[in-house]
Amino acid sequence: MKLTTTNERLKNCKKAGIILRPDSPEIKKDFTNIKNCFESSGIEVLLEKNSAKMIDEEGLLLKELCKEVDFLVSIGGDGTLLSVVRNSFEFGLPVLGLHMGTLGFLTDIIYEELPTFLNDLKNDQYRIDNRMLVECKVNNQCFVAFNDIVISRKTVSSMIKIKAKIDGSSFNTYHGDGVIISTPTGSTAYNLSVGGPIVYPLTDAFIITPVAPHSLTQRPLVMPADIEIEFKIKDEQGAVVLIDGQDTYEVENNDIIKVTIARKKAKLIHRTKRDFFKVLNDKLRWGN
């Protein structure tokens, strides 16, 4: 099944920058084994500073690391990879996800598979997926999200009202618990749990999904990515904006949140045989 859209390759494959799952000092043994595996394949390993501090090693600040390496390696789960992609966004480096635990939607390599995969990597037997990110502007601040941006009510005692525009024209008013603006990659995250559609991750599109809407006529929308979506908070208590479920920002009544496609895409390194639909089948147990 040929659903990839690029033959992109790493410019070099000599240095890898590793970022570890936070608050996991027990991961040190795994890191040592992974580092040895990379070095056995002729790839030098550099460690990010916070990760290094966690396991009593030496490391570099992420920005310094990104300037030194050819690609990044996220060791953890999907949450770790989300953080790595967002925080290294400006450098445009491809990211390889090694999962520690259950198979993720984004991370698909386990340690036992690493020697074989690194051999494939050295022989150009891999692929780089380019995935859409979104930019969110709030009060002259700009944030990048890989999965989703969630605009949520501040308290559980009342609903929130959000007016929405597309390219400057009013199109909807949401009244409920909030709104999710998801990328195709994020369509299998919070969006899925509230009844939003699954969208193939290499698609360029916005998914706008209301959370517990007051009206049953409010439905998820899949919109083209070349638009600007604007949300205006109409609630005296304000609202909360969550970026990929990791960073939280408070906004006030009448504040405007603008969402557009990001100027760069996330680059994920995958096995050539990785099949998104097989992952869906395994994770969602379709047919079982």
C-alpha atoms as a PDB file:
ATOM      1  CA  MET A   1       0.000   0.000   0.000  1.00  0.00           C
ATOM      2  CA  LYS A   2       1.691   3.188  -1.191  1.00  0.00           C
ATOM      3  CA  LEU A   3       0.208   6.060   0.768  1.00  0.00           C
ATOM      4  CA  THR A   4       3.380   8.050   1.481  1.00  0.00           C
ATOM      5  CA  THR A   5       3.995  11.251  -0.445  1.00  0.00           C
ATOM      6  CA  THR A   6       7.736  11.789  -0.137  1.00  0.00           C
ATOM      7  CA  ASN A   7      11.055  10.119  -0.880  1.00  0.00           C
ATOM      8  CA  GLU A   8      12.846  12.431   1.530  1.00  0.00           C
ATOM      9  CA  ARG A   9      16.034  11.155   3.151  1.00  0.00           C
ATOM     10  CA  LEU A  10      18.296  12.312   5.969  1.00  0.00           C
ATOM     11  CA  LYS A  11      21.069  14.570   4.704  1.00  0.00           C
ATOM     12  CA  ASN A  12      23.458  12.812   7.085  1.00  0.00           C
ATOM     13  CA  CYS A  13      23.136   9.927   9.503  1.00  0.00           C
ATOM     14  CA  LYS A  14      26.147  10.428  11.740  1.00  0.00           C
ATOM     15  CA  LYS A  15      24.762  12.041  14.915  1.00  0.00           C
ATOM     16  CA  ALA A  16      21.542  11.360  16.826  1.00  0.00           C
ATOM     17  CA  GLY A  17      20.147  13.572  19.582  1.00  0.00           C
ATOM     18  CA  ILE A  18      18.247  11.630  22.230  1.00  0.00           C
ATOM     19  CA  ILE A  19      15.461  12.922  24.488  1.00  0.00           C
ATOM     20  CA  LEU A  20      14.144  10.642  27.240  1.00  0.00           C
ATOM     21  CA  ARG A  21      10.700  10.380  28.783  1.00  0.00           C
ATOM     22  CA  PRO A  22      10.720  12.818  31.736  1.00  0.00           C
ATOM     23  CA  ASP A  23      10.522  11.732  35.380  1.00  0.00           C
ATOM     24  CA  SER A  24      11.780   8.245  34.500  1.00  0.00           C
ATOM     25  CA  PRO A  25      15.261   7.764  36.040  1.00  0.00           C
ATOM     26  CA  GLU A  26      14.793   3.998  35.710  1.00  0.00           C
ATOM     27  CA  ILE A  27      15.204   4.461  31.955  1.00  0.00           C
ATOM     28  CA  LYS A  28      18.978   4.817  32.355  1.00  0.00           C
ATOM     29  CA  LYS A  29      19.677   1.127  31.637  1.00  0.00           C
ATOM     30  CA  ASP A  30      17.548   1.265  28.488  1.00  0.00           C
ATOM     31  CA  PHE A  31      19.348   4.423  27.380  1.00  0.00           C
ATOM     32  CA  THR A  32      22.750   2.780  27.822  1.00  0.00           C
ATOM     33  CA  ASN A  33      21.687  -0.189  25.692  1.00  0.00           C
ATOM     34  CA  ILE A  34      20.166   2.078  23.035  1.00  0.00           C
ATOM     35  CA  LYS A  35      23.265   4.273  22.955  1.00  0.00           C
ATOM     36  CA  ASN A  36      25.473   1.204  22.473  1.00  0.00           C
ATOM     37  CA  CYS A  37      23.210   0.065  19.660  1.00  0.00           C
ATOM     38  CA  PHE A  38      23.521   3.392  17.844  1.00  0.00           C
ATOM     39  CA  GLU A  39      27.284   3.551  18.332  1.00  0.00           C
ATOM     40  CA  SER A  40      27.648  -0.010  17.019  1.00  0.00           C
ATOM     41  CA  SER A  41      25.980   1.256  13.847  1.00  0.00           C
ATOM     42  CA  GLY A  42      28.454   4.131  13.573  1.00  0.00           C
ATOM     43  CA  ILE A  43      26.040   6.794  14.835  1.00  0.00           C
ATOM     44  CA  GLU A  44      27.257   9.132  17.581  1.00  0.00           C
ATOM     45  CA  VAL A  45      24.750   9.829  20.363  1.00  0.00           C
ATOM     46  CA  LEU A  46      24.253  13.180  22.123  1.00  0.00           C
ATOM     47  CA  LEU A  47      21.845  13.554  25.041  1.00  0.00           C
ATOM     48  CA  GLU A  48      19.485  16.442  25.826  1.00  0.00           C
ATOM     49  CA  LYS A  49      20.339  18.284  29.057  1.00  0.00           C
ATOM     50  CA  ASN A  50      17.208  17.575  31.125  1.00  0.00           C
ATOM     51  CA  SER A  51      17.290  13.935  30.091  1.00  0.00           C
ATOM     52  CA  ALA A  52      20.973  13.774  30.974  1.00  0.00           C
ATOM     53  CA  LYS A  53      20.420  15.320  34.400  1.00  0.00           C
ATOM     54  CA  MET A  54      17.725  12.760  35.151  1.00  0.00           C
ATOM     55  CA  ILE A  55      20.150   9.843  34.698  1.00  0.00           C
ATOM     56  CA  ASP A  56      23.342  11.576  35.930  1.00  0.00           C
ATOM     57  CA  GLU A  57      24.875  12.074  32.485  1.00  0.00           C
ATOM     58  CA  GLU A  58      26.186  15.089  30.554  1.00  0.00           C
ATOM     59  CA  GLY A  59      23.974  16.741  27.976  1.00  0.00           C
ATOM     60  CA  LEU A  60      23.198  19.770  25.831  1.00  0.00           C
ATOM     61  CA  LEU A  61      20.342  22.255  25.880  1.00  0.00           C
ATOM     62  CA  LEU A  62      17.766  21.221  23.286  1.00  0.00           C
ATOM     63  CA  LYS A  63      18.528  24.177  20.986  1.00  0.00           C
ATOM     64  CA  GLU A  64      22.246  23.388  21.102  1.00  0.00           C
ATOM     65  CA  LEU A  65      21.529  19.710  20.546  1.00  0.00           C
ATOM     66  CA  CYS A  66      19.415  20.431  17.470  1.00  0.00           C
ATOM     67  CA  LYS A  67      22.270  22.387  15.909  1.00  0.00           C
ATOM     68  CA  GLU A  68      24.677  19.475  16.389  1.00  0.00           C
ATOM     69  CA  VAL A  69      22.713  16.414  15.266  1.00  0.00           C
ATOM     70  CA  ASP A  70      21.249  15.010  12.048  1.00  0.00           C
ATOM     71  CA  PHE A  71      18.039  13.698  13.609  1.00  0.00           C
ATOM     72  CA  LEU A  72      16.326  13.343  16.983  1.00  0.00           C
ATOM     73  CA  VAL A  73      15.274  10.232  18.872  1.00  0.00           C
ATOM     74  CA  SER A  74      12.372  10.315  21.320  1.00  0.00           C
ATOM     75  CA  ILE A  75      12.482   7.499  23.893  1.00  0.00           C
ATOM     76  CA  GLY A  76       9.191   7.052  25.721  1.00  0.00           C
ATOM     77  CA  GLY A  77       5.667   7.171  24.366  1.00  0.00           C
ATOM     78  CA  ASP A  78       3.534   9.325  22.126  1.00  0.00           C
ATOM     79  CA  GLY A  79       3.464  12.119  24.726  1.00  0.00           C
ATOM     80  CA  THR A  80       7.258  12.320  24.757  1.00  0.00           C
ATOM     81  CA  LEU A  81       7.354  12.445  20.966  1.00  0.00           C
ATOM     82  CA  LEU A  82       4.721  15.200  20.880  1.00  0.00           C
ATOM     83  CA  SER A  83       6.853  17.293  23.213  1.00  0.00           C
ATOM     84  CA  VAL A  84      10.022  16.665  21.188  1.00  0.00           C
ATOM     85  CA  VAL A  85       8.368  17.641  17.908  1.00  0.00           C
ATOM     86  CA  ARG A  86       6.879  20.851  19.338  1.00  0.00           C
ATOM     87  CA  ASN A  87      10.019  21.982  21.144  1.00  0.00           C
ATOM     88  CA  SER A  88      12.309  21.294  18.158  1.00  0.00           C
ATOM     89  CA  PHE A  89       9.857  22.670  15.601  1.00  0.00           C
ATOM     90  CA  GLU A  90      11.986  25.594  14.432  1.00  0.00           C
ATOM     91  CA  PHE A  91      14.877  23.304  13.453  1.00  0.00           C
ATOM     92  CA  GLY A  92      12.862  20.977  11.191  1.00  0.00           C
ATOM     93  CA  LEU A  93      14.743  17.850  12.250  1.00  0.00           C
ATOM     94  CA  PRO A  94      13.302  14.385  11.540  1.00  0.00           C
ATOM     95  CA  VAL A  95      12.308  12.523  14.720  1.00  0.00           C
ATOM     96  CA  LEU A  96      12.451   8.780  15.376  1.00  0.00           C
ATOM     97  CA  GLY A  97      10.138   7.493  18.099  1.00  0.00           C
ATOM     98  CA  LEU A  98      11.187   4.530  20.250  1.00  0.00           C
ATOM     99  CA  HIS A  99       8.341   3.392  22.458  1.00  0.00           C
ATOM    100  CA  MET A 100       8.822   2.094  25.975  1.00  0.00           C
ATOM    101  CA  GLY A 101       5.647   0.193  26.795  1.00  0.00           C
ATOM    102  CA  THR A 102       2.578  -0.247  24.625  1.00  0.00           C
ATOM    103  CA  LEU A 103       2.631   0.495  20.911  1.00  0.00           C
ATOM    104  CA  GLY A 104       1.677   4.078  20.177  1.00  0.00           C
ATOM    105  CA  PHE A 105       0.030   5.792  17.231  1.00  0.00           C
ATOM    106  CA  LEU A 106       3.262   7.761  16.642  1.00  0.00           C
ATOM    107  CA  THR A 107       6.069   5.619  18.081  1.00  0.00           C
ATOM    108  CA  ASP A 108       6.467   2.275  16.349  1.00  0.00           C
ATOM    109  CA  ILE A 109       9.993   0.963  17.077  1.00  0.00           C
ATOM    110  CA  ILE A 110      10.903  -1.121  20.145  1.00  0.00           C
ATOM    111  CA  TYR A 111      14.436  -1.790  21.407  1.00  0.00           C
ATOM    112  CA  GLU A 112      14.499  -5.367  20.084  1.00  0.00           C
ATOM    113  CA  GLU A 113      13.850  -4.022  16.583  1.00  0.00           C
ATOM    114  CA  LEU A 114      16.424  -1.243  16.821  1.00  0.00           C
ATOM    115  CA  PRO A 115      19.525  -3.061  15.407  1.00  0.00           C
ATOM    116  CA  THR A 116      17.575  -4.158  12.327  1.00  0.00           C
ATOM    117  CA  PHE A 117      16.023  -0.717  11.890  1.00  0.00           C
ATOM    118  CA  LEU A 118      19.381   1.073  12.203  1.00  0.00           C
ATOM    119  CA  ASN A 119      20.775  -1.194   9.504  1.00  0.00           C
ATOM    120  CA  ASP A 120      17.797  -0.238   7.336  1.00  0.00           C
ATOM    121  CA  LEU A 121      18.398   3.410   8.202  1.00  0.00           C
ATOM    122  CA  LYS A 122      21.998   3.228   6.999  1.00  0.00           C
ATOM    123  CA  ASN A 123      20.789   1.592   3.772  1.00  0.00           C
ATOM    124  CA  ASP A 124      18.002   4.111   3.081  1.00  0.00           C
ATOM    125  CA  GLN A 125      15.307   1.563   3.867  1.00  0.00           C
ATOM    126  CA  TYR A 126      12.999   3.852   5.801  1.00  0.00           C
ATOM    127  CA  ARG A 127      10.582   6.670   5.164  1.00  0.00           C
ATOM    128  CA  ILE A 128      10.008  10.183   6.487  1.00  0.00           C
ATOM    129  CA  ASP A 129       6.386  11.210   6.934  1.00  0.00           C
ATOM    130  CA  ASN A 130       5.632  14.941   6.744  1.00  0.00           C
ATOM    131  CA  ARG A 131       2.750  15.727   9.071  1.00  0.00           C
ATOM    132  CA  MET A 132       0.779  18.906   9.430  1.00  0.00           C
ATOM    133  CA  LEU A 133       1.054  21.029  12.577  1.00  0.00           C
ATOM    134  CA  VAL A 134      -1.087  23.995  13.566  1.00  0.00           C
ATOM    135  CA  GLU A 135      -0.126  27.416  14.882  1.00  0.00           C
ATOM    136  CA  CYS A 136      -2.264  29.117  17.501  1.00  0.00           C
ATOM    137  CA  LYS A 137      -2.059  32.854  18.186  1.00  0.00           C
ATOM    138  CA  VAL A 138      -3.410  34.102  21.495  1.00  0.00           C
ATOM    139  CA  ASN A 139      -2.848  37.678  22.702  1.00  0.00           C
ATOM    140  CA  ASN A 140       0.195  38.149  20.435  1.00  0.00           C
ATOM    141  CA  GLN A 141       1.691  34.851  21.598  1.00  0.00           C
ATOM    142  CA  CYS A 142       2.194  32.006  19.117  1.00  0.00           C
ATOM    143  CA  PHE A 143       2.117  28.300  19.948  1.00  0.00           C
ATOM    144  CA  VAL A 144       2.559  25.171  17.848  1.00  0.00           C
ATOM    145  CA  ALA A 145       0.483  22.019  18.270  1.00  0.00           C
ATOM    146  CA  PHE A 146       1.054  18.586  16.759  1.00  0.00           C
ATOM    147  CA  ASN A 147      -2.140  16.884  17.967  1.00  0.00           C
ATOM    148  CA  ASP A 148      -4.682  19.492  18.932  1.00  0.00           C
ATOM    149  CA  ILE A 149      -5.685  22.793  20.454  1.00  0.00           C
ATOM    150  CA  VAL A 150      -8.532  22.595  22.942  1.00  0.00           C
ATOM    151  CA  ILE A 151     -10.574  25.604  24.034  1.00  0.00           C
ATOM    152  CA  SER A 152     -12.313  24.633  27.243  1.00  0.00           C
ATOM    153  CA  ARG A 153     -14.518  26.151  29.922  1.00  0.00           C
ATOM    154  CA  LYS A 154     -12.833  27.190  33.180  1.00  0.00           C
ATOM    155  CA  THR A 155     -15.373  25.659  35.547  1.00  0.00           C
ATOM    156  CA  VAL A 156     -17.585  22.577  35.455  1.00  0.00           C
ATOM    157  CA  SER A 157     -20.611  24.515  36.686  1.00  0.00           C
ATOM    158  CA  SER A 158     -21.374  26.302  33.426  1.00  0.00           C
ATOM    159  CA  MET A 159     -21.080  25.979  29.665  1.00  0.00           C
ATOM    160  CA  ILE A 160     -18.876  28.180  27.497  1.00  0.00           C
ATOM    161  CA  LYS A 161     -19.899  30.205  24.451  1.00  0.00           C
ATOM    162  CA  ILE A 162     -17.410  30.495  21.579  1.00  0.00           C
ATOM    163  CA  LYS A 163     -18.033  32.420  18.357  1.00  0.00           C
ATOM    164  CA  ALA A 164     -16.189  31.092  15.314  1.00  0.00           C
ATOM    165  CA  LYS A 165     -15.125  32.622  11.992  1.00  0.00           C
ATOM    166  CA  ILE A 166     -13.446  31.145   8.923  1.00  0.00           C
ATOM    167  CA  ASP A 167     -11.319  33.566   6.892  1.00  0.00           C
ATOM    168  CA  GLY A 168     -13.065  36.463   8.627  1.00  0.00           C
ATOM    169  CA  SER A 169     -16.628  35.290   8.029  1.00  0.00           C
ATOM    170  CA  SER A 170     -18.847  34.075  10.874  1.00  0.00           C
ATOM    171  CA  PHE A 171     -19.866  30.446  10.535  1.00  0.00           C
ATOM    172  CA  ASN A 172     -20.825  29.076  13.963  1.00  0.00           C
ATOM    173  CA  THR A 173     -21.350  29.671  17.669  1.00  0.00           C
ATOM    174  CA  TYR A 174     -20.380  26.812  19.967  1.00  0.00           C
ATOM    175  CA  HIS A 175     -22.168  26.427  23.293  1.00  0.00           C
ATOM    176  CA  GLY A 176     -21.009  23.549  25.490  1.00  0.00           C
ATOM    177  CA  ASP A 177     -17.873  22.276  27.224  1.00  0.00           C
ATOM    178  CA  GLY A 178     -15.515  23.514  24.514  1.00  0.00           C
ATOM    179  CA  VAL A 179     -14.047  22.936  21.061  1.00  0.00           C
ATOM    180  CA  ILE A 180     -11.192  20.775  19.767  1.00  0.00           C
ATOM    181  CA  ILE A 181      -9.176  21.945  16.759  1.00  0.00           C
ATOM    182  CA  SER A 182      -7.278  18.838  15.712  1.00  0.00           C
ATOM    183  CA  THR A 183      -4.694  17.912  13.096  1.00  0.00           C
ATOM    184  CA  PRO A 184      -5.109  14.620  11.220  1.00  0.00           C
ATOM    185  CA  THR A 185      -2.389  13.169  13.487  1.00  0.00           C
ATOM    186  CA  GLY A 186      -4.424  14.239  16.515  1.00  0.00           C
ATOM    187  CA  SER A 187      -7.636  12.793  15.124  1.00  0.00           C
ATOM    188  CA  THR A 188      -6.949   9.564  17.069  1.00  0.00           C
ATOM    189  CA  ALA A 189      -6.468  11.451  20.365  1.00  0.00           C
ATOM    190  CA  TYR A 190      -9.021  13.590  22.256  1.00  0.00           C
ATOM    191  CA  ASN A 191     -10.922  14.181  19.024  1.00  0.00           C
ATOM    192  CA  LEU A 192     -11.655  10.458  18.719  1.00  0.00           C
ATOM    193  CA  SER A 193     -12.815  10.146  22.328  1.00  0.00           C
ATOM    194  CA  VAL A 194     -15.594  12.725  21.828  1.00  0.00           C
ATOM    195  CA  GLY A 195     -16.853  11.238  18.565  1.00  0.00           C
ATOM    196  CA  GLY A 196     -14.738  13.098  16.008  1.00  0.00           C
ATOM    197  CA  PRO A 197     -13.639  11.433  12.733  1.00  0.00           C
ATOM    198  CA  ILE A 198     -10.356   9.621  12.131  1.00  0.00           C
ATOM    199  CA  VAL A 199      -8.424  11.337   9.313  1.00  0.00           C
ATOM    200  CA  TYR A 200      -5.434   9.799   7.533  1.00  0.00           C
ATOM    201  CA  PRO A 201      -2.372  11.449   9.154  1.00  0.00           C
ATOM    202  CA  LEU A 202      -0.675  12.658   5.966  1.00  0.00           C
ATOM    203  CA  THR A 203      -3.755  14.692   5.019  1.00  0.00           C
ATOM    204  CA  ASP A 204      -3.700  18.492   5.304  1.00  0.00           C
ATOM    205  CA  ALA A 205      -6.946  19.380   7.075  1.00  0.00           C
ATOM    206  CA  PHE A 206      -8.410  20.847  10.255  1.00  0.00           C
ATOM    207  CA  ILE A 207     -10.898  18.866  12.317  1.00  0.00           C
ATOM    208  CA  ILE A 208     -13.223  21.049  14.418  1.00  0.00           C
ATOM    209  CA  THR A 209     -15.051  18.976  17.019  1.00  0.00           C
ATOM    210  CA  PRO A 210     -17.427  20.373  19.671  1.00  0.00           C
ATOM    211  CA  VAL A 211     -17.131  18.907  23.175  1.00  0.00           C
ATOM    212  CA  ALA A 212     -20.492  18.059  24.779  1.00  0.00           C
ATOM    213  CA  PRO A 213     -22.393  20.671  22.706  1.00  0.00           C
ATOM    214  CA  HIS A 214     -25.662  22.072  24.023  1.00  0.00           C
ATOM    215  CA  SER A 215     -27.311  21.411  20.646  1.00  0.00           C
ATOM    216  CA  LEU A 216     -27.371  18.018  18.925  1.00  0.00           C
ATOM    217  CA  THR A 217     -27.141  19.804  15.564  1.00  0.00           C
ATOM    218  CA  GLN A 218     -23.488  20.684  16.291  1.00  0.00           C
ATOM    219  CA  ARG A 219     -21.275  18.138  14.492  1.00  0.00           C
ATOM    220  CA  PRO A 220     -17.561  17.681  13.779  1.00  0.00           C
ATOM    221  CA  LEU A 221     -16.242  19.393  10.653  1.00  0.00           C
ATOM    222  CA  VAL A 222     -13.268  18.514   8.444  1.00  0.00           C
ATOM    223  CA  MET A 223     -11.977  21.683   6.822  1.00  0.00           C
ATOM    224  CA  PRO A 224      -9.213  22.491   4.291  1.00  0.00           C
ATOM    225  CA  ALA A 225      -5.897  23.543   5.811  1.00  0.00           C
ATOM    226  CA  ASP A 226      -5.480  26.750   3.784  1.00  0.00           C
ATOM    227  CA  ILE A 227      -7.906  28.732   5.947  1.00  0.00           C
ATOM    228  CA  GLU A 228      -7.660  30.800   9.120  1.00  0.00           C
ATOM    229  CA  ILE A 229     -10.035  29.824  11.898  1.00  0.00           C
ATOM    230  CA  GLU A 230     -10.858  32.411  14.553  1.00  0.00           C
ATOM    231  CA  PHE A 231     -12.510  31.738  17.894  1.00  0.00           C
ATOM    232  CA  LYS A 232     -13.794  34.531  20.156  1.00  0.00           C
ATOM    233  CA  ILE A 233     -14.494  33.769  23.794  1.00  0.00           C
ATOM    234  CA  LYS A 234     -17.903  35.000  24.979  1.00  0.00           C
ATOM    235  CA  ASP A 235     -17.829  34.062  28.648  1.00  0.00           C
ATOM    236  CA  GLU A 236     -17.289  36.364  31.623  1.00  0.00           C
ATOM    237  CA  GLN A 237     -15.143  33.695  33.279  1.00  0.00           C
ATOM    238  CA  GLY A 238     -12.879  33.398  30.251  1.00  0.00           C
ATOM    239  CA  ALA A 239     -11.561  30.070  29.020  1.00  0.00           C
ATOM    240  CA  VAL A 240      -8.577  27.722  29.043  1.00  0.00           C
ATOM    241  CA  VAL A 241      -6.510  26.843  25.957  1.00  0.00           C
ATOM    242  CA  LEU A 242      -4.640  23.523  26.034  1.00  0.00           C
ATOM    243  CA  ILE A 243      -1.836  22.814  23.549  1.00  0.00           C
ATOM    244  CA  ASP A 244      -1.400  19.068  22.899  1.00  0.00           C
ATOM    245  CA  GLY A 245      -2.682  18.445  26.414  1.00  0.00           C
ATOM    246  CA  GLN A 246       0.715  19.575  27.748  1.00  0.00           C
ATOM    247  CA  ASP A 247       0.664  23.373  28.035  1.00  0.00           C
ATOM    248  CA  THR A 248      -2.220  25.412  29.436  1.00  0.00           C
ATOM    249  CA  TYR A 249      -3.018  29.117  28.936  1.00  0.00           C
ATOM    250  CA  GLU A 250      -5.854  31.160  30.366  1.00  0.00           C
ATOM    251  CA  VAL A 251      -7.736  33.616  28.147  1.00  0.00           C
ATOM    252  CA  GLU A 252     -10.320  36.251  29.016  1.00  0.00           C
ATOM    253  CA  ASN A 253     -13.749  37.187  27.766  1.00  0.00           C
ATOM    254  CA  ASN A 254     -13.614  38.634  24.197  1.00  0.00           C
ATOM    255  CA  ASP A 255     -10.091  37.295  23.627  1.00  0.00           C
ATOM    256  CA  ILE A 256      -9.523  35.948  20.114  1.00  0.00           C
ATOM    257  CA  ILE A 257      -7.717  32.700  19.276  1.00  0.00           C
ATOM    258  CA  LYS A 258      -6.504  32.347  15.689  1.00  0.00           C
ATOM    259  CA  VAL A 259      -5.536  28.968  14.241  1.00  0.00           C
ATOM    260  CA  THR A 260      -3.699  28.345  10.947  1.00  0.00           C
ATOM    261  CA  ILE A 261      -1.581  25.606   9.430  1.00  0.00           C
ATOM    262  CA  ALA A 262       2.030  25.824  10.636  1.00  0.00           C
ATOM    263  CA  ARG A 263       4.704  27.046   8.214  1.00  0.00           C
ATOM    264  CA  LYS A 264       6.665  23.792   8.663  1.00  0.00           C
ATOM    265  CA  LYS A 265       5.672  20.169   9.043  1.00  0.00           C
ATOM    266  CA  ALA A 266       6.716  17.547  11.553  1.00  0.00           C
ATOM    267  CA  LYS A 267       9.054  14.932  10.101  1.00  0.00           C
ATOM    268  CA  LEU A 268       8.642  11.448  11.554  1.00  0.00           C
ATOM    269  CA  ILE A 269      11.019   8.610  10.712  1.00  0.00           C
ATOM    270  CA  HIS A 270       9.220   5.293  10.231  1.00  0.00           C
ATOM    271  CA  ARG A 271       9.804   1.778   9.007  1.00  0.00           C
ATOM    272  CA  THR A 272       8.902   1.350   5.350  1.00  0.00           C
ATOM    273  CA  LYS A 273       6.410  -1.346   6.338  1.00  0.00           C
ATOM    274  CA  ARG A 274       4.557   0.732   8.905  1.00  0.00           C
ATOM    275  CA  ASP A 275       0.847   0.602   8.081  1.00  0.00           C
ATOM    276  CA  PHE A 276      -1.431   3.196   9.704  1.00  0.00           C
ATOM    277  CA  PHE A 277      -4.479   1.010   9.150  1.00  0.00           C
ATOM    278  CA  LYS A 278      -2.794  -1.947  10.843  1.00  0.00           C
ATOM    279  CA  VAL A 279      -2.055   0.330  13.806  1.00  0.00           C
ATOM    280  CA  LEU A 280      -5.732   1.352  13.917  1.00  0.00           C
ATOM    281  CA  ASN A 281      -6.750  -2.293  13.833  1.00  0.00           C
ATOM    282  CA  ASP A 282      -4.392  -3.173  16.678  1.00  0.00           C
ATOM    283  CA  LYS A 283      -5.155  -0.147  18.861  1.00  0.00           C
ATOM    284  CA  LEU A 284      -8.926   0.007  18.329  1.00  0.00           C
ATOM    285  CA  ARG A 285      -9.424  -3.763  17.999  1.00  0.00           C
ATOM    286  CA  TRP A 286     -11.504  -3.417  14.846  1.00  0.00           C
ATOM    287  CA  GLY A 287     -13.115  -6.690  13.905  1.00  0.00           C
ATOM    288  CA  ASN A 288     -12.525  -8.251  17.348  1.00  0.00           C
END
